[in-house]
Amino acid sequence: MIVNDYHDRAIDEVNEPERPIPSGLVTPREALAFASATSLVGFAAAYFTSLSTLALAVIAWAALAVYTTVGKRSGLPGNFLVSTCVAIPFVYGSLAVTDAVGTNVLLLASMAFLSNTGREITKGIIDVEGDQLHDVKTLAVRYGTRNAAIAAVVFYMLAVSLSPLPWFLRLVSHWFIVLVAIADLGLVASSVALLRGYSREKARMVKKSVLLWFMIGLSAFLAGSLS
């Protein structure tokens, strides 16, 4: 995230001027120093956990490096790179604890990937002005905010479509059902709101609300682990 803020500092002067670097709270040099320190600590922690977690940490860091240098300006491929980084921690946690990755974890990671891709596309609607100035080819810049909103909703609904599978496959307990239903209804409501008005303000509201549905969805998996 720090590296991303460093590379986005010019764009953020237009889109998000209150962020640490464009606001002057943190200098670019300080940001790079902090990013280096956190990367080293993260790699060390991964190494002392297992070789598989270290390998996954390297993959995640490489995905971040590709995104911040060339991926961000590519639009949808860049969105996929971010979502990969969001999904990887679930796989990492499974490797760290069990040294294996089960179907339940793969489903959770897939849902996180899909729903976060929808959120990244939604963020593109918010950032159109700065992205156009810096040649960032998001779906909103290339095809307009309406089409970007439709694409975001498609990814939200794909995530929702996967949510019943853990229950049908008997990977979770009945405690999973209520919470995942709330998360699904929230994503549906946010999708309807985005389709009804895909302005910058509406997209910002949806982007924030989707984080809540993410957390409730994660809580559903935690509750579902209870017998």
Protein backbone atom coordinates (compact mmCIF):
# COMPACT_ATOMS: atom_id res chain seq x y z
CA MET A 1 0.00 0.00 0.00
CA ILE A 2 2.85 2.37 0.77
CA VAL A 3 4.54 1.63 -2.55
CA ASN A 4 1.22 2.19 -4.32
CA ASP A 5 0.79 5.55 -2.58
CA TYR A 6 4.33 6.50 -3.62
CA HIS A 7 3.68 5.75 -7.30
CA ASP A 8 0.23 7.37 -7.19
CA ARG A 9 1.34 10.60 -5.53
CA ALA A 10 0.84 12.73 -8.66
CA ILE A 11 -2.59 11.21 -9.38
CA ASP A 12 -3.58 11.56 -5.71
CA GLU A 13 -2.89 15.29 -5.87
CA VAL A 14 -6.04 15.41 -8.03
CA ASN A 15 -8.13 12.47 -6.80
CA GLU A 16 -7.23 12.14 -3.09
CA PRO A 17 -5.24 15.23 -1.97
CA GLU A 18 -5.78 14.40 1.72
CA ARG A 19 -3.64 11.25 1.55
CA PRO A 20 -0.31 11.27 3.46
CA ILE A 21 2.09 12.06 0.58
CA PRO A 22 0.12 14.68 -1.41
CA SER A 23 -0.98 16.36 1.84
CA GLY A 24 2.67 16.71 2.91
CA LEU A 25 2.25 14.60 6.05
CA VAL A 26 4.83 12.12 4.72
CA THR A 27 7.61 12.78 2.20
CA PRO A 28 8.16 10.40 -0.75
CA ARG A 29 11.57 9.43 0.68
CA GLU A 30 10.04 8.61 4.07
CA ALA A 31 7.38 6.51 2.36
CA LEU A 32 10.00 4.47 0.48
CA ALA A 33 12.00 3.94 3.66
CA PHE A 34 8.92 2.71 5.50
CA ALA A 35 7.94 0.47 2.59
CA SER A 36 11.41 -1.10 2.60
CA ALA A 37 11.26 -1.71 6.34
CA THR A 38 7.82 -3.32 6.25
CA SER A 39 8.81 -5.50 3.26
CA LEU A 40 11.89 -6.80 5.09
CA VAL A 41 9.91 -7.56 8.24
CA GLY A 42 7.25 -9.31 6.17
CA PHE A 43 9.75 -11.46 4.28
CA ALA A 44 11.50 -12.37 7.54
CA ALA A 45 8.22 -13.40 9.14
CA ALA A 46 7.34 -15.49 6.08
CA TYR A 47 10.78 -17.16 6.07
CA PHE A 48 10.54 -18.17 9.72
CA THR A 49 7.04 -19.57 9.14
CA SER A 50 7.76 -21.91 6.21
CA LEU A 51 9.25 -22.00 2.74
CA SER A 52 5.78 -22.16 1.19
CA THR A 53 4.70 -18.96 2.94
CA LEU A 54 7.95 -17.28 1.88
CA ALA A 55 7.30 -18.29 -1.74
CA LEU A 56 3.77 -16.91 -1.56
CA ALA A 57 5.04 -13.68 0.00
CA VAL A 58 7.47 -13.26 -2.89
CA ILE A 59 4.63 -13.84 -5.39
CA ALA A 60 2.47 -11.25 -3.64
CA TRP A 61 5.31 -8.72 -3.59
CA ALA A 62 6.02 -9.35 -7.28
CA ALA A 63 2.33 -8.81 -8.13
CA LEU A 64 2.45 -5.53 -6.23
CA ALA A 65 5.61 -4.46 -8.05
CA VAL A 66 4.06 -5.20 -11.45
CA TYR A 67 0.88 -3.36 -10.52
CA THR A 68 2.53 -0.20 -9.24
CA THR A 69 4.99 0.08 -12.14
CA VAL A 70 2.94 -0.89 -15.22
CA GLY A 71 -0.24 -2.67 -14.16
CA LYS A 72 -2.14 0.28 -12.74
CA ARG A 73 -2.32 2.08 -16.07
CA SER A 74 -3.57 -1.04 -17.84
CA GLY A 75 -7.05 -0.86 -16.33
CA LEU A 76 -8.76 -4.21 -15.76
CA PRO A 77 -5.51 -6.28 -15.68
CA GLY A 78 -4.33 -3.93 -12.96
CA ASN A 79 -7.58 -4.49 -11.07
CA PHE A 80 -6.92 -8.23 -11.25
CA LEU A 81 -3.43 -7.76 -9.79
CA VAL A 82 -4.83 -5.84 -6.82
CA SER A 83 -7.49 -8.48 -6.24
CA THR A 84 -4.82 -11.17 -6.37
CA CYS A 85 -3.01 -9.40 -3.54
CA VAL A 86 -6.29 -9.23 -1.60
CA ALA A 87 -7.02 -12.94 -2.08
CA ILE A 88 -3.50 -14.20 -1.30
CA PRO A 89 -3.63 -13.57 2.50
CA PHE A 90 -6.34 -16.22 2.89
CA VAL A 91 -4.17 -18.77 1.11
CA TYR A 92 -1.15 -17.57 3.10
CA GLY A 93 -2.98 -18.04 6.40
CA SER A 94 -3.99 -21.56 5.44
CA LEU A 95 -0.41 -22.45 4.51
CA ALA A 96 0.91 -20.93 7.72
CA VAL A 97 -1.47 -22.90 9.94
CA THR A 98 -2.03 -26.19 8.10
CA ASP A 99 0.61 -26.19 5.32
CA ALA A 100 -2.24 -26.94 2.92
CA VAL A 101 -5.02 -25.11 1.09
CA GLY A 102 -8.53 -26.56 1.34
CA THR A 103 -11.59 -26.04 -0.83
CA ASN A 104 -13.14 -23.72 1.75
CA VAL A 105 -10.10 -21.43 1.59
CA LEU A 106 -10.08 -21.45 -2.21
CA LEU A 107 -13.75 -20.46 -2.25
CA LEU A 108 -13.15 -17.64 0.22
CA ALA A 109 -10.15 -16.42 -1.78
CA SER A 110 -12.17 -16.57 -5.01
CA MET A 111 -15.02 -14.57 -3.48
CA ALA A 112 -12.54 -12.02 -2.19
CA PHE A 113 -10.93 -11.79 -5.65
CA LEU A 114 -14.22 -11.27 -7.47
CA SER A 115 -15.79 -8.82 -5.04
CA ASN A 116 -12.60 -6.79 -4.73
CA THR A 117 -12.32 -6.59 -8.53
CA GLY A 118 -15.80 -5.06 -8.49
CA ARG A 119 -14.63 -2.60 -5.85
CA GLU A 120 -11.52 -1.68 -7.86
CA ILE A 121 -13.66 -0.96 -10.91
CA THR A 122 -15.93 1.15 -8.71
CA LYS A 123 -12.89 3.09 -7.50
CA GLY A 124 -12.10 3.80 -11.14
CA ILE A 125 -15.39 5.68 -11.41
CA ILE A 126 -14.33 7.88 -8.50
CA ASP A 127 -10.88 8.56 -9.94
CA VAL A 128 -11.80 9.35 -13.56
CA GLU A 129 -10.55 12.95 -13.47
CA GLY A 130 -7.04 12.19 -12.21
CA ASP A 131 -6.79 8.95 -14.20
CA GLN A 132 -7.55 10.76 -17.47
CA LEU A 133 -4.81 13.30 -16.77
CA HIS A 134 -2.24 10.54 -16.17
CA ASP A 135 -3.35 8.10 -18.89
CA VAL A 136 -4.65 5.42 -16.50
CA LYS A 137 -6.85 3.24 -18.71
CA THR A 138 -9.51 2.13 -16.26
CA LEU A 139 -12.82 0.80 -17.53
CA ALA A 140 -14.43 4.09 -16.51
CA VAL A 141 -11.92 6.08 -18.58
CA ARG A 142 -12.09 3.78 -21.60
CA TYR A 143 -15.77 2.97 -21.76
CA GLY A 144 -17.52 5.48 -19.52
CA THR A 145 -18.80 5.38 -15.96
CA ARG A 146 -22.07 3.60 -16.86
CA ASN A 147 -20.31 0.64 -18.46
CA ALA A 148 -17.80 0.54 -15.59
CA ALA A 149 -20.69 0.40 -13.11
CA ILE A 150 -22.21 -2.54 -15.01
CA ALA A 151 -18.85 -4.36 -15.03
CA ALA A 152 -18.41 -3.78 -11.29
CA VAL A 153 -21.86 -5.22 -10.60
CA VAL A 154 -21.06 -8.30 -12.69
CA PHE A 155 -18.09 -9.06 -10.46
CA TYR A 156 -20.10 -8.40 -7.28
CA MET A 157 -22.78 -10.83 -8.46
CA LEU A 158 -20.20 -13.47 -9.41
CA ALA A 159 -18.94 -13.31 -5.82
CA VAL A 160 -22.50 -13.64 -4.52
CA SER A 161 -23.10 -16.65 -6.79
CA LEU A 162 -20.21 -18.51 -5.12
CA SER A 163 -21.39 -17.85 -1.58
CA PRO A 164 -23.85 -20.80 -1.28
CA LEU A 165 -21.21 -23.35 -2.32
CA PRO A 166 -19.47 -23.73 1.08
CA TRP A 167 -22.85 -24.62 2.60
CA PHE A 168 -23.91 -26.99 -0.18
CA LEU A 169 -20.51 -28.70 -0.07
CA ARG A 170 -20.85 -29.04 3.72
CA LEU A 171 -17.64 -27.16 4.34
CA VAL A 172 -19.23 -24.88 6.95
CA SER A 173 -21.83 -25.13 9.69
CA HIS A 174 -25.33 -23.60 9.67
CA TRP A 175 -23.93 -20.50 11.45
CA PHE A 176 -22.54 -19.50 8.05
CA ILE A 177 -25.95 -19.00 6.44
CA VAL A 178 -27.29 -15.93 8.22
CA LEU A 179 -24.12 -13.84 7.97
CA VAL A 180 -23.39 -14.70 4.34
CA ALA A 181 -27.01 -13.86 3.48
CA ILE A 182 -26.52 -10.40 5.01
CA ALA A 183 -23.31 -9.93 3.04
CA ASP A 184 -25.00 -11.05 -0.18
CA LEU A 185 -27.99 -8.75 0.34
CA GLY A 186 -25.60 -5.89 1.06
CA LEU A 187 -23.69 -6.49 -2.17
CA VAL A 188 -26.95 -6.68 -4.10
CA ALA A 189 -28.19 -3.44 -2.54
CA SER A 190 -24.87 -1.70 -3.27
CA SER A 191 -25.02 -2.96 -6.85
CA VAL A 192 -28.54 -1.61 -7.33
CA ALA A 193 -27.45 1.74 -5.88
CA LEU A 194 -24.47 1.90 -8.25
CA LEU A 195 -26.60 1.11 -11.30
CA ARG A 196 -29.16 3.74 -10.37
CA GLY A 197 -26.53 6.46 -10.19
CA TYR A 198 -22.90 6.03 -11.16
CA SER A 199 -21.72 9.49 -10.16
CA ARG A 200 -18.44 10.01 -8.31
CA GLU A 201 -20.28 10.53 -5.03
CA LYS A 202 -22.45 7.42 -5.44
CA ALA A 203 -19.44 5.30 -6.41
CA ARG A 204 -17.56 6.54 -3.33
CA MET A 205 -20.50 5.56 -1.12
CA VAL A 206 -20.66 2.09 -2.69
CA LYS A 207 -16.89 1.63 -2.37
CA LYS A 208 -17.12 2.29 1.37
CA SER A 209 -20.21 0.15 1.97
CA VAL A 210 -18.72 -2.81 0.11
CA LEU A 211 -15.96 -2.98 2.73
CA LEU A 212 -18.63 -3.64 5.36
CA TRP A 213 -20.10 -6.47 3.29
CA PHE A 214 -16.57 -7.88 2.91
CA MET A 215 -16.14 -7.97 6.68
CA ILE A 216 -19.53 -9.60 7.25
CA GLY A 217 -18.72 -12.19 4.57
CA LEU A 218 -15.44 -12.98 6.30
CA SER A 219 -17.29 -13.24 9.61
CA ALA A 220 -19.63 -15.78 7.95
CA PHE A 221 -16.69 -18.07 7.25
CA LEU A 222 -15.41 -17.64 10.80
CA ALA A 223 -18.84 -18.44 12.22
CA GLY A 224 -19.19 -21.34 9.81
CA SER A 225 -16.11 -22.98 11.32
CA LEU A 226 -18.08 -23.43 14.57
CA SER A 227 -19.89 -26.73 14.92
